[in-house]
Each structure stands twice: as structure tokens, then as C-alpha cells.
Amino acid sequence: PVSLEVARRVAAAAEAEARAHGWPMVIAVMDSAANLVVLHKMDDAQTG
């Protein structure tokens, strides 16, 4: 399974790309067993 450190790095890189375009996003990173490791909801992202 992906480590928390790597999952945070993945989410941070995704957030940087979203911010660069002004896109409010939700970013989920799961491990190799489909367990949630990081869930990152940017401000103004739709709850759905």
C-alpha cells in the first residue's frame, strides 16, 4: 500500500495543478486495497 507520505505528496501535486487553474476539486488517494489514505476537499468544491 502507498504510504501516507507518498499519498500526501500526490494530493499536494494534484492540488497545486487545480489551484493553478482556479478549479475547486476533491482529491482522494487510496492504497492498493482500496482503503482511503488521503481525502482533500478544496474550498468551494462541490460536496457531491
ModelCIF file with pLDDT and N, C-alpha, C, O atoms, coordinates in Angstrom:
data_MODEL
#
_entry.id   MODEL 
#
_entity.id                         1 
_entity.type                       polymer 
_entity.pdbx_number_of_molecules   1 
#
_entity_poly.entity_id                      1 
_entity_poly.type                           'polypeptide(L)' 
_entity_poly.nstd_linkage                   no 
_entity_poly.nstd_monomer                   no 
_entity_poly.pdbx_seq_one_letter_code       PVSLEVARRVAAAAEAEARAHGWPMVIAVMDSAANLVVLHKMDDAQTG 
_entity_poly.pdbx_seq_one_letter_code_can   PVSLEVARRVAAAAEAEARAHGWPMVIAVMDSAANLVVLHKMDDAQTG 
_entity_poly.pdbx_strand_id                 A 
#
loop_
_entity_poly_seq.entity_id 
_entity_poly_seq.num 
_entity_poly_seq.mon_id 
_entity_poly_seq.hetero 
1 1  PRO n 
1 2  VAL n 
1 3  SER n 
1 4  LEU n 
1 5  GLU n 
1 6  VAL n 
1 7  ALA n 
1 8  ARG n 
1 9  ARG n 
1 10 VAL n 
1 11 ALA n 
1 12 ALA n 
1 13 ALA n 
1 14 ALA n 
1 15 GLU n 
1 16 ALA n 
1 17 GLU n 
1 18 ALA n 
1 19 ARG n 
1 20 ALA n 
1 21 HIS n 
1 22 GLY n 
1 23 TRP n 
1 24 PRO n 
1 25 MET n 
1 26 VAL n 
1 27 ILE n 
1 28 ALA n 
1 29 VAL n 
1 30 MET n 
1 31 ASP n 
1 32 SER n 
1 33 ALA n 
1 34 ALA n 
1 35 ASN n 
1 36 LEU n 
1 37 VAL n 
1 38 VAL n 
1 39 LEU n 
1 40 HIS n 
1 41 LYS n 
1 42 MET n 
1 43 ASP n 
1 44 ASP n 
1 45 ALA n 
1 46 GLN n 
1 47 THR n 
1 48 GLY n 
#
_struct_asym.id          A 
_struct_asym.entity_id   1 
#
loop_
_ma_qa_metric.id 
_ma_qa_metric.mode 
_ma_qa_metric.name 
_ma_qa_metric.software_group_id 
_ma_qa_metric.type 
1 global pLDDT . pLDDT 
2 local  pLDDT . pLDDT 
#
_ma_qa_metric_global.metric_id      1 
_ma_qa_metric_global.metric_value   97.96 
_ma_qa_metric_global.model_id       1 
_ma_qa_metric_global.ordinal_id     1 
#
loop_
_ma_qa_metric_local.label_asym_id 
_ma_qa_metric_local.label_comp_id 
_ma_qa_metric_local.label_seq_id 
_ma_qa_metric_local.metric_id 
_ma_qa_metric_local.metric_value 
_ma_qa_metric_local.model_id 
_ma_qa_metric_local.ordinal_id 
A PRO 1  2 98.00 1 1  
A VAL 2  2 98.00 1 2  
A SER 3  2 98.00 1 3  
A LEU 4  2 98.00 1 4  
A GLU 5  2 98.00 1 5  
A VAL 6  2 98.00 1 6  
A ALA 7  2 98.00 1 7  
A ARG 8  2 98.00 1 8  
A ARG 9  2 98.00 1 9  
A VAL 10 2 98.00 1 10 
A ALA 11 2 98.00 1 11 
A ALA 12 2 98.00 1 12 
A ALA 13 2 98.00 1 13 
A ALA 14 2 98.00 1 14 
A GLU 15 2 98.00 1 15 
A ALA 16 2 98.00 1 16 
A GLU 17 2 98.00 1 17 
A ALA 18 2 98.00 1 18 
A ARG 19 2 98.00 1 19 
A ALA 20 2 98.00 1 20 
A HIS 21 2 98.00 1 21 
A GLY 22 2 98.00 1 22 
A TRP 23 2 98.00 1 23 
A PRO 24 2 98.00 1 24 
A MET 25 2 98.00 1 25 
A VAL 26 2 98.00 1 26 
A ILE 27 2 98.00 1 27 
A ALA 28 2 98.00 1 28 
A VAL 29 2 98.00 1 29 
A MET 30 2 98.00 1 30 
A ASP 31 2 98.00 1 31 
A SER 32 2 98.00 1 32 
A ALA 33 2 98.00 1 33 
A ALA 34 2 98.00 1 34 
A ASN 35 2 98.00 1 35 
A LEU 36 2 98.00 1 36 
A VAL 37 2 98.00 1 37 
A VAL 38 2 98.00 1 38 
A LEU 39 2 98.00 1 39 
A HIS 40 2 96.00 1 40 
A LYS 41 2 98.00 1 41 
A MET 42 2 98.00 1 42 
A ASP 43 2 98.00 1 43 
A ASP 44 2 98.00 1 44 
A ALA 45 2 98.00 1 45 
A GLN 46 2 98.00 1 46 
A THR 47 2 98.00 1 47 
A GLY 48 2 98.00 1 48 
#
loop_
_atom_site.group_PDB 
_atom_site.id 
_atom_site.type_symbol 
_atom_site.label_atom_id 
_atom_site.label_alt_id 
_atom_site.label_comp_id 
_atom_site.label_asym_id 
_atom_site.label_entity_id 
_atom_site.label_seq_id 
_atom_site.pdbx_PDB_ins_code 
_atom_site.Cartn_x 
_atom_site.Cartn_y 
_atom_site.Cartn_z 
_atom_site.occupancy 
_atom_site.B_iso_or_equiv 
_atom_site.pdbx_formal_charge 
_atom_site.auth_seq_id 
_atom_site.auth_comp_id 
_atom_site.auth_asym_id 
_atom_site.auth_atom_id 
_atom_site.pdbx_PDB_model_num 
ATOM 1   N N  . PRO A 1 1  ? 0.811   -1.212 0.000   1.00 98.00 ? 1  PRO A N  1 
ATOM 2   C CA . PRO A 1 1  ? 0.000   0.000  0.000   1.00 98.00 ? 1  PRO A CA 1 
ATOM 3   C C  . PRO A 1 1  ? 0.847   1.266  0.000   1.00 98.00 ? 1  PRO A C  1 
ATOM 4   O O  . PRO A 1 1  ? 1.896   1.335  0.640   1.00 98.00 ? 1  PRO A O  1 
ATOM 5   N N  . VAL A 1 2  ? 0.368   2.257  -0.728  1.00 98.00 ? 2  VAL A N  1 
ATOM 6   C CA . VAL A 1 2  ? 1.034   3.551  -0.769  1.00 98.00 ? 2  VAL A CA 1 
ATOM 7   C C  . VAL A 1 2  ? 1.112   4.107  0.653   1.00 98.00 ? 2  VAL A C  1 
ATOM 8   O O  . VAL A 1 2  ? 0.168   3.970  1.431   1.00 98.00 ? 2  VAL A O  1 
ATOM 9   N N  . SER A 1 3  ? 2.223   4.726  0.981   1.00 98.00 ? 3  SER A N  1 
ATOM 10  C CA . SER A 1 3  ? 2.401   5.285  2.326   1.00 98.00 ? 3  SER A CA 1 
ATOM 11  C C  . SER A 1 3  ? 1.667   6.617  2.452   1.00 98.00 ? 3  SER A C  1 
ATOM 12  O O  . SER A 1 3  ? 1.324   7.245  1.451   1.00 98.00 ? 3  SER A O  1 
ATOM 13  N N  . LEU A 1 4  ? 1.433   7.033  3.672   1.00 98.00 ? 4  LEU A N  1 
ATOM 14  C CA . LEU A 1 4  ? 0.807   8.324  3.927   1.00 98.00 ? 4  LEU A CA 1 
ATOM 15  C C  . LEU A 1 4  ? 1.671   9.453  3.363   1.00 98.00 ? 4  LEU A C  1 
ATOM 16  O O  . LEU A 1 4  ? 1.144   10.420 2.813   1.00 98.00 ? 4  LEU A O  1 
ATOM 17  N N  . GLU A 1 5  ? 2.978   9.337  3.494   1.00 98.00 ? 5  GLU A N  1 
ATOM 18  C CA . GLU A 1 5  ? 3.890   10.360 2.969   1.00 98.00 ? 5  GLU A CA 1 
ATOM 19  C C  . GLU A 1 5  ? 3.722   10.519 1.454   1.00 98.00 ? 5  GLU A C  1 
ATOM 20  O O  . GLU A 1 5  ? 3.616   11.639 0.954   1.00 98.00 ? 5  GLU A O  1 
ATOM 21  N N  . VAL A 1 6  ? 3.700   9.418  0.739   1.00 98.00 ? 6  VAL A N  1 
ATOM 22  C CA . VAL A 1 6  ? 3.537   9.480  -0.717  1.00 98.00 ? 6  VAL A CA 1 
ATOM 23  C C  . VAL A 1 6  ? 2.141   9.974  -1.073  1.00 98.00 ? 6  VAL A C  1 
ATOM 24  O O  . VAL A 1 6  ? 1.984   10.785 -1.985  1.00 98.00 ? 6  VAL A O  1 
ATOM 25  N N  . ALA A 1 7  ? 1.128   9.493  -0.361  1.00 98.00 ? 7  ALA A N  1 
ATOM 26  C CA . ALA A 1 7  ? -0.254  9.930  -0.628  1.00 98.00 ? 7  ALA A CA 1 
ATOM 27  C C  . ALA A 1 7  ? -0.391  11.442 -0.439  1.00 98.00 ? 7  ALA A C  1 
ATOM 28  O O  . ALA A 1 7  ? -1.067  12.105 -1.225  1.00 98.00 ? 7  ALA A O  1 
ATOM 29  N N  . ARG A 1 8  ? 0.237   11.980 0.584   1.00 98.00 ? 8  ARG A N  1 
ATOM 30  C CA . ARG A 1 8  ? 0.201   13.435 0.809   1.00 98.00 ? 8  ARG A CA 1 
ATOM 31  C C  . ARG A 1 8  ? 0.894   14.180 -0.331  1.00 98.00 ? 8  ARG A C  1 
ATOM 32  O O  . ARG A 1 8  ? 0.425   15.229 -0.773  1.00 98.00 ? 8  ARG A O  1 
ATOM 33  N N  . ARG A 1 9  ? 2.019   13.627 -0.806  1.00 98.00 ? 9  ARG A N  1 
ATOM 34  C CA . ARG A 1 9  ? 2.749   14.252 -1.915  1.00 98.00 ? 9  ARG A CA 1 
ATOM 35  C C  . ARG A 1 9  ? 1.904   14.236 -3.189  1.00 98.00 ? 9  ARG A C  1 
ATOM 36  O O  . ARG A 1 9  ? 1.879   15.217 -3.931  1.00 98.00 ? 9  ARG A O  1 
ATOM 37  N N  . VAL A 1 10 ? 1.222   13.138 -3.438  1.00 98.00 ? 10 VAL A N  1 
ATOM 38  C CA . VAL A 1 10 ? 0.337   13.009 -4.603  1.00 98.00 ? 10 VAL A CA 1 
ATOM 39  C C  . VAL A 1 10 ? -0.783  14.043 -4.511  1.00 98.00 ? 10 VAL A C  1 
ATOM 40  O O  . VAL A 1 10 ? -1.057  14.754 -5.478  1.00 98.00 ? 10 VAL A O  1 
ATOM 41  N N  . ALA A 1 11 ? -1.425  14.125 -3.355  1.00 98.00 ? 11 ALA A N  1 
ATOM 42  C CA . ALA A 1 11 ? -2.526  15.076 -3.163  1.00 98.00 ? 11 ALA A CA 1 
ATOM 43  C C  . ALA A 1 11 ? -2.044  16.519 -3.301  1.00 98.00 ? 11 ALA A C  1 
ATOM 44  O O  . ALA A 1 11 ? -2.744  17.353 -3.876  1.00 98.00 ? 11 ALA A O  1 
ATOM 45  N N  . ALA A 1 12 ? -0.864  16.815 -2.783  1.00 98.00 ? 12 ALA A N  1 
ATOM 46  C CA . ALA A 1 12 ? -0.320  18.178 -2.866  1.00 98.00 ? 12 ALA A CA 1 
ATOM 47  C C  . ALA A 1 12 ? -0.043  18.571 -4.314  1.00 98.00 ? 12 ALA A C  1 
ATOM 48  O O  . ALA A 1 12 ? -0.321  19.700 -4.718  1.00 98.00 ? 12 ALA A O  1 
ATOM 49  N N  . ALA A 1 13 ? 0.503   17.645 -5.092  1.00 98.00 ? 13 ALA A N  1 
ATOM 50  C CA . ALA A 1 13 ? 0.778   17.938 -6.503  1.00 98.00 ? 13 ALA A CA 1 
ATOM 51  C C  . ALA A 1 13 ? -0.522  18.146 -7.271  1.00 98.00 ? 13 ALA A C  1 
ATOM 52  O O  . ALA A 1 13 ? -0.610  19.026 -8.127  1.00 98.00 ? 13 ALA A O  1 
ATOM 53  N N  . ALA A 1 14 ? -1.523  17.337 -6.965  1.00 98.00 ? 14 ALA A N  1 
ATOM 54  C CA . ALA A 1 14 ? -2.823  17.497 -7.611  1.00 98.00 ? 14 ALA A CA 1 
ATOM 55  C C  . ALA A 1 14 ? -3.447  18.834 -7.222  1.00 98.00 ? 14 ALA A C  1 
ATOM 56  O O  . ALA A 1 14 ? -3.986  19.540 -8.074  1.00 98.00 ? 14 ALA A O  1 
ATOM 57  N N  . GLU A 1 15 ? -3.378  19.180 -5.955  1.00 98.00 ? 15 GLU A N  1 
ATOM 58  C CA . GLU A 1 15 ? -3.931  20.458 -5.514  1.00 98.00 ? 15 GLU A CA 1 
ATOM 59  C C  . GLU A 1 15 ? -3.232  21.630 -6.194  1.00 98.00 ? 15 GLU A C  1 
ATOM 60  O O  . GLU A 1 15 ? -3.887  22.595 -6.589  1.00 98.00 ? 15 GLU A O  1 
ATOM 61  N N  . ALA A 1 16 ? -1.925  21.558 -6.334  1.00 98.00 ? 16 ALA A N  1 
ATOM 62  C CA . ALA A 1 16 ? -1.178  22.639 -6.990  1.00 98.00 ? 16 ALA A CA 1 
ATOM 63  C C  . ALA A 1 16 ? -1.665  22.832 -8.425  1.00 98.00 ? 16 ALA A C  1 
ATOM 64  O O  . ALA A 1 16 ? -1.810  23.965 -8.885  1.00 98.00 ? 16 ALA A O  1 
ATOM 65  N N  . GLU A 1 17 ? -1.916  21.737 -9.130  1.00 98.00 ? 17 GLU A N  1 
ATOM 66  C CA . GLU A 1 17 ? -2.421  21.825 -10.506 1.00 98.00 ? 17 GLU A CA 1 
ATOM 67  C C  . GLU A 1 17 ? -3.821  22.429 -10.520 1.00 98.00 ? 17 GLU A C  1 
ATOM 68  O O  . GLU A 1 17 ? -4.125  23.272 -11.364 1.00 98.00 ? 17 GLU A O  1 
ATOM 69  N N  . ALA A 1 18 ? -4.662  22.009 -9.603  1.00 98.00 ? 18 ALA A N  1 
ATOM 70  C CA . ALA A 1 18 ? -6.026  22.552 -9.528  1.00 98.00 ? 18 ALA A CA 1 
ATOM 71  C C  . ALA A 1 18 ? -6.001  24.044 -9.210  1.00 98.00 ? 18 ALA A C  1 
ATOM 72  O O  . ALA A 1 18 ? -6.716  24.827 -9.836  1.00 98.00 ? 18 ALA A O  1 
ATOM 73  N N  . ARG A 1 19 ? -5.192  24.434 -8.254  1.00 98.00 ? 19 ARG A N  1 
ATOM 74  C CA . ARG A 1 19 ? -5.088  25.857 -7.874  1.00 98.00 ? 19 ARG A CA 1 
ATOM 75  C C  . ARG A 1 19 ? -4.573  26.713 -9.034  1.00 98.00 ? 19 ARG A C  1 
ATOM 76  O O  . ARG A 1 19 ? -5.015  27.846 -9.222  1.00 98.00 ? 19 ARG A O  1 
ATOM 77  N N  . ALA A 1 20 ? -3.648  26.169 -9.799  1.00 98.00 ? 20 ALA A N  1 
ATOM 78  C CA . ALA A 1 20 ? -3.079  26.918 -10.925 1.00 98.00 ? 20 ALA A CA 1 
ATOM 79  C C  . ALA A 1 20 ? -4.146  27.304 -11.941 1.00 98.00 ? 20 ALA A C  1 
ATOM 80  O O  . ALA A 1 20 ? -3.988  28.272 -12.685 1.00 98.00 ? 20 ALA A O  1 
ATOM 81  N N  . HIS A 1 21 ? -5.234  26.536 -11.967 1.00 98.00 ? 21 HIS A N  1 
ATOM 82  C CA . HIS A 1 21 ? -6.321  26.794 -12.918 1.00 98.00 ? 21 HIS A CA 1 
ATOM 83  C C  . HIS A 1 21 ? -7.569  27.362 -12.254 1.00 98.00 ? 21 HIS A C  1 
ATOM 84  O O  . HIS A 1 21 ? -8.556  27.661 -12.926 1.00 98.00 ? 21 HIS A O  1 
ATOM 85  N N  . GLY A 1 22 ? -7.521  27.510 -10.930 1.00 98.00 ? 22 GLY A N  1 
ATOM 86  C CA . GLY A 1 22 ? -8.684  28.021 -10.219 1.00 98.00 ? 22 GLY A CA 1 
ATOM 87  C C  . GLY A 1 22 ? -9.826  27.028 -10.141 1.00 98.00 ? 22 GLY A C  1 
ATOM 88  O O  . GLY A 1 22 ? -10.991 27.423 -10.110 1.00 98.00 ? 22 GLY A O  1 
ATOM 89  N N  . TRP A 1 23 ? -9.501  25.727 -10.110 1.00 98.00 ? 23 TRP A N  1 
ATOM 90  C CA . TRP A 1 23 ? -10.512 24.682 -10.095 1.00 98.00 ? 23 TRP A CA 1 
ATOM 91  C C  . TRP A 1 23 ? -10.678 24.129 -8.679  1.00 98.00 ? 23 TRP A C  1 
ATOM 92  O O  . TRP A 1 23 ? -9.740  23.524 -8.160  1.00 98.00 ? 23 TRP A O  1 
ATOM 93  N N  . PRO A 1 24 ? -11.823 24.311 -8.040  1.00 98.00 ? 24 PRO A N  1 
ATOM 94  C CA . PRO A 1 24 ? -12.043 23.704 -6.722  1.00 98.00 ? 24 PRO A CA 1 
ATOM 95  C C  . PRO A 1 24 ? -12.309 22.205 -6.882  1.00 98.00 ? 24 PRO A C  1 
ATOM 96  O O  . PRO A 1 24 ? -13.271 21.804 -7.536  1.00 98.00 ? 24 PRO A O  1 
ATOM 97  N N  . MET A 1 25 ? -11.473 21.412 -6.297  1.00 98.00 ? 25 MET A N  1 
ATOM 98  C CA . MET A 1 25 ? -11.514 19.961 -6.521  1.00 98.00 ? 25 MET A CA 1 
ATOM 99  C C  . MET A 1 25 ? -11.550 19.197 -5.211  1.00 98.00 ? 25 MET A C  1 
ATOM 100 O O  . MET A 1 25 ? -11.220 19.721 -4.147  1.00 98.00 ? 25 MET A O  1 
ATOM 101 N N  . VAL A 1 26 ? -11.960 17.944 -5.319  1.00 98.00 ? 26 VAL A N  1 
ATOM 102 C CA . VAL A 1 26 ? -11.813 16.969 -4.244  1.00 98.00 ? 26 VAL A CA 1 
ATOM 103 C C  . VAL A 1 26 ? -10.832 15.923 -4.750  1.00 98.00 ? 26 VAL A C  1 
ATOM 104 O O  . VAL A 1 26 ? -10.961 15.427 -5.869  1.00 98.00 ? 26 VAL A O  1 
ATOM 105 N N  . ILE A 1 27 ? -9.858  15.594 -3.925  1.00 98.00 ? 27 ILE A N  1 
ATOM 106 C CA . ILE A 1 27 ? -8.788  14.675 -4.295  1.00 98.00 ? 27 ILE A CA 1 
ATOM 107 C C  . ILE A 1 27 ? -8.792  13.522 -3.293  1.00 98.00 ? 27 ILE A C  1 
ATOM 108 O O  . ILE A 1 27 ? -8.680  13.739 -2.087  1.00 98.00 ? 27 ILE A O  1 
ATOM 109 N N  . ALA A 1 28 ? -8.920  12.312 -3.794  1.00 98.00 ? 28 ALA A N  1 
ATOM 110 C CA . ALA A 1 28 ? -8.895  11.112 -2.948  1.00 98.00 ? 28 ALA A CA 1 
ATOM 111 C C  . ALA A 1 28 ? -7.719  10.243 -3.368  1.00 98.00 ? 28 ALA A C  1 
ATOM 112 O O  . ALA A 1 28 ? -7.508  10.001 -4.556  1.00 98.00 ? 28 ALA A O  1 
ATOM 113 N N  . VAL A 1 29 ? -6.963  9.779  -2.392  1.00 98.00 ? 29 VAL A N  1 
ATOM 114 C CA . VAL A 1 29 ? -5.872  8.847  -2.652  1.00 98.00 ? 29 VAL A CA 1 
ATOM 115 C C  . VAL A 1 29 ? -6.145  7.590  -1.831  1.00 98.00 ? 29 VAL A C  1 
ATOM 116 O O  . VAL A 1 29 ? -6.324  7.648  -0.614  1.00 98.00 ? 29 VAL A O  1 
ATOM 117 N N  . MET A 1 30 ? -6.171  6.459  -2.524  1.00 98.00 ? 30 MET A N  1 
ATOM 118 C CA . MET A 1 30 ? -6.420  5.167  -1.876  1.00 98.00 ? 30 MET A CA 1 
ATOM 119 C C  . MET A 1 30 ? -5.206  4.276  -2.041  1.00 98.00 ? 30 MET A C  1 
ATOM 120 O O  . MET A 1 30 ? -4.394  4.460  -2.947  1.00 98.00 ? 30 MET A O  1 
ATOM 121 N N  . ASP A 1 31 ? -5.099  3.301  -1.138  1.00 98.00 ? 31 ASP A N  1 
ATOM 122 C CA . ASP A 1 31 ? -3.984  2.362  -1.211  1.00 98.00 ? 31 ASP A CA 1 
ATOM 123 C C  . ASP A 1 31 ? -4.338  1.177  -2.103  1.00 98.00 ? 31 ASP A C  1 
ATOM 124 O O  . ASP A 1 31 ? -5.399  1.158  -2.725  1.00 98.00 ? 31 ASP A O  1 
ATOM 125 N N  . SER A 1 32 ? -3.462  0.204  -2.163  1.00 98.00 ? 32 SER A N  1 
ATOM 126 C CA . SER A 1 32 ? -3.640  -0.926 -3.074  1.00 98.00 ? 32 SER A CA 1 
ATOM 127 C C  . SER A 1 32 ? -4.759  -1.882 -2.665  1.00 98.00 ? 32 SER A C  1 
ATOM 128 O O  . SER A 1 32 ? -5.058  -2.830 -3.391  1.00 98.00 ? 32 SER A O  1 
ATOM 129 N N  . ALA A 1 33 ? -5.374  -1.643 -1.515  1.00 98.00 ? 33 ALA A N  1 
ATOM 130 C CA . ALA A 1 33 ? -6.532  -2.433 -1.096  1.00 98.00 ? 33 ALA A CA 1 
ATOM 131 C C  . ALA A 1 33 ? -7.808  -1.598 -1.143  1.00 98.00 ? 33 ALA A C  1 
ATOM 132 O O  . ALA A 1 33 ? -8.836  -1.996 -0.595  1.00 98.00 ? 33 ALA A O  1 
ATOM 133 N N  . ALA A 1 34 ? -7.740  -0.434 -1.799  1.00 98.00 ? 34 ALA A N  1 
ATOM 134 C CA . ALA A 1 34 ? -8.868  0.491  -1.945  1.00 98.00 ? 34 ALA A CA 1 
ATOM 135 C C  . ALA A 1 34 ? -9.311  1.087  -0.617  1.00 98.00 ? 34 ALA A C  1 
ATOM 136 O O  . ALA A 1 34 ? -10.489 1.391  -0.427  1.00 98.00 ? 34 ALA A O  1 
ATOM 137 N N  . ASN A 1 35 ? -8.361  1.251  0.300   1.00 98.00 ? 35 ASN A N  1 
ATOM 138 C CA . ASN A 1 35 ? -8.626  1.944  1.554   1.00 98.00 ? 35 ASN A CA 1 
ATOM 139 C C  . ASN A 1 35 ? -8.225  3.406  1.394   1.00 98.00 ? 35 ASN A C  1 
ATOM 140 O O  . ASN A 1 35 ? -7.171  3.709  0.835   1.00 98.00 ? 35 ASN A O  1 
ATOM 141 N N  . LEU A 1 36 ? -9.056  4.297  1.879   1.00 98.00 ? 36 LEU A N  1 
ATOM 142 C CA . LEU A 1 36 ? -8.776  5.720  1.790   1.00 98.00 ? 36 LEU A CA 1 
ATOM 143 C C  . LEU A 1 36 ? -7.558  6.083  2.638   1.00 98.00 ? 36 LEU A C  1 
ATOM 144 O O  . LEU A 1 36 ? -7.489  5.726  3.814   1.00 98.00 ? 36 LEU A O  1 
ATOM 145 N N  . VAL A 1 37 ? -6.604  6.790  2.044   1.00 98.00 ? 37 VAL A N  1 
ATOM 146 C CA . VAL A 1 37 ? -5.416  7.252  2.754   1.00 98.00 ? 37 VAL A CA 1 
ATOM 147 C C  . VAL A 1 37 ? -5.497  8.761  2.957   1.00 98.00 ? 37 VAL A C  1 
ATOM 148 O O  . VAL A 1 37 ? -5.227  9.256  4.052   1.00 98.00 ? 37 VAL A O  1 
ATOM 149 N N  . VAL A 1 38 ? -5.865  9.493  1.910   1.00 98.00 ? 38 VAL A N  1 
ATOM 150 C CA . VAL A 1 38 ? -5.991  10.954 1.989   1.00 98.00 ? 38 VAL A CA 1 
ATOM 151 C C  . VAL A 1 38 ? -7.262  11.374 1.260   1.00 98.00 ? 38 VAL A C  1 
ATOM 152 O O  . VAL A 1 38 ? -7.529  10.923 0.147   1.00 98.00 ? 38 VAL A O  1 
ATOM 153 N N  . LEU A 1 39 ? -8.036  12.233 1.892   1.00 98.00 ? 39 LEU A N  1 
ATOM 154 C CA . LEU A 1 39 ? -9.173  12.875 1.242   1.00 98.00 ? 39 LEU A CA 1 
ATOM 155 C C  . LEU A 1 39 ? -9.000  14.364 1.445   1.00 98.00 ? 39 LEU A C  1 
ATOM 156 O O  . LEU A 1 39 ? -8.924  14.843 2.577   1.00 98.00 ? 39 LEU A O  1 
ATOM 157 N N  . HIS A 1 40 ? -8.939  15.089 0.350   1.00 96.00 ? 40 HIS A N  1 
ATOM 158 C CA . HIS A 1 40 ? -8.625  16.511 0.391   1.00 96.00 ? 40 HIS A CA 1 
ATOM 159 C C  . HIS A 1 40 ? -9.701  17.273 -0.378  1.00 96.00 ? 40 HIS A C  1 
ATOM 160 O O  . HIS A 1 40 ? -9.789  17.164 -1.601  1.00 96.00 ? 40 HIS A O  1 
ATOM 161 N N  . LYS A 1 41 ? -10.510 18.037 0.332   1.00 98.00 ? 41 LYS A N  1 
ATOM 162 C CA . LYS A 1 41 ? -11.557 18.842 -0.304  1.00 98.00 ? 41 LYS A CA 1 
ATOM 163 C C  . LYS A 1 41 ? -11.126 20.297 -0.258  1.00 98.00 ? 41 LYS A C  1 
ATOM 164 O O  . LYS A 1 41 ? -10.997 20.894 0.811   1.00 98.00 ? 41 LYS A O  1 
ATOM 165 N N  . MET A 1 42 ? -10.905 20.854 -1.440  1.00 98.00 ? 42 MET A N  1 
ATOM 166 C CA . MET A 1 42 ? -10.514 22.263 -1.527  1.00 98.00 ? 42 MET A CA 1 
ATOM 167 C C  . MET A 1 42 ? -11.724 23.142 -1.220  1.00 98.00 ? 42 MET A C  1 
ATOM 168 O O  . MET A 1 42 ? -12.866 22.722 -1.405  1.00 98.00 ? 42 MET A O  1 
ATOM 169 N N  . ASP A 1 43 ? -11.471 24.353 -0.756  1.00 98.00 ? 43 ASP A N  1 
ATOM 170 C CA . ASP A 1 43 ? -12.546 25.307 -0.513  1.00 98.00 ? 43 ASP A CA 1 
ATOM 171 C C  . ASP A 1 43 ? -13.371 25.478 -1.778  1.00 98.00 ? 43 ASP A C  1 
ATOM 172 O O  . ASP A 1 43 ? -12.830 25.523 -2.883  1.00 98.00 ? 43 ASP A O  1 
ATOM 173 N N  . ASP A 1 44 ? -14.657 25.571 -1.613  1.00 98.00 ? 44 ASP A N  1 
ATOM 174 C CA . ASP A 1 44 ? -15.629 25.798 -2.688  1.00 98.00 ? 44 ASP A CA 1 
ATOM 175 C C  . ASP A 1 44 ? -15.838 24.607 -3.609  1.00 98.00 ? 44 ASP A C  1 
ATOM 176 O O  . ASP A 1 44 ? -16.560 24.726 -4.599  1.00 98.00 ? 44 ASP A O  1 
ATOM 177 N N  . ALA A 1 45 ? -15.231 23.465 -3.316  1.00 98.00 ? 45 ALA A N  1 
ATOM 178 C CA . ALA A 1 45 ? -15.504 22.267 -4.119  1.00 98.00 ? 45 ALA A CA 1 
ATOM 179 C C  . ALA A 1 45 ? -16.915 21.782 -3.799  1.00 98.00 ? 45 ALA A C  1 
ATOM 180 O O  . ALA A 1 45 ? -17.362 21.856 -2.654  1.00 98.00 ? 45 ALA A O  1 
ATOM 181 N N  . GLN A 1 46 ? -17.603 21.290 -4.811  1.00 98.00 ? 46 GLN A N  1 
ATOM 182 C CA . GLN A 1 46 ? -18.972 20.805 -4.590  1.00 98.00 ? 46 GLN A CA 1 
ATOM 183 C C  . GLN A 1 46 ? -18.945 19.548 -3.729  1.00 98.00 ? 46 GLN A C  1 
ATOM 184 O O  . GLN A 1 46 ? -18.072 18.695 -3.885  1.00 98.00 ? 46 GLN A O  1 
ATOM 185 N N  . THR A 1 47 ? -19.904 19.445 -2.824  1.00 98.00 ? 47 THR A N  1 
ATOM 186 C CA . THR A 1 47 ? -19.895 18.325 -1.882  1.00 98.00 ? 47 THR A CA 1 
ATOM 187 C C  . THR A 1 47 ? -20.126 16.980 -2.563  1.00 98.00 ? 47 THR A C  1 
ATOM 188 O O  . THR A 1 47 ? -19.654 15.954 -2.073  1.00 98.00 ? 47 THR A O  1 
ATOM 189 N N  . GLY A 1 48 ? -20.843 16.968 -3.682  1.00 98.00 ? 48 GLY A N  1 
ATOM 190 C CA . GLY A 1 48 ? -21.051 15.718 -4.407  1.00 98.00 ? 48 GLY A CA 1 
ATOM 191 C C  . GLY A 1 48 ? -19.758 15.092 -4.891  1.00 98.00 ? 48 GLY A C  1 
ATOM 192 O O  . GLY A 1 48 ? -19.782 14.033 -5.518  1.00 98.00 ? 48 GLY A O  1 
#
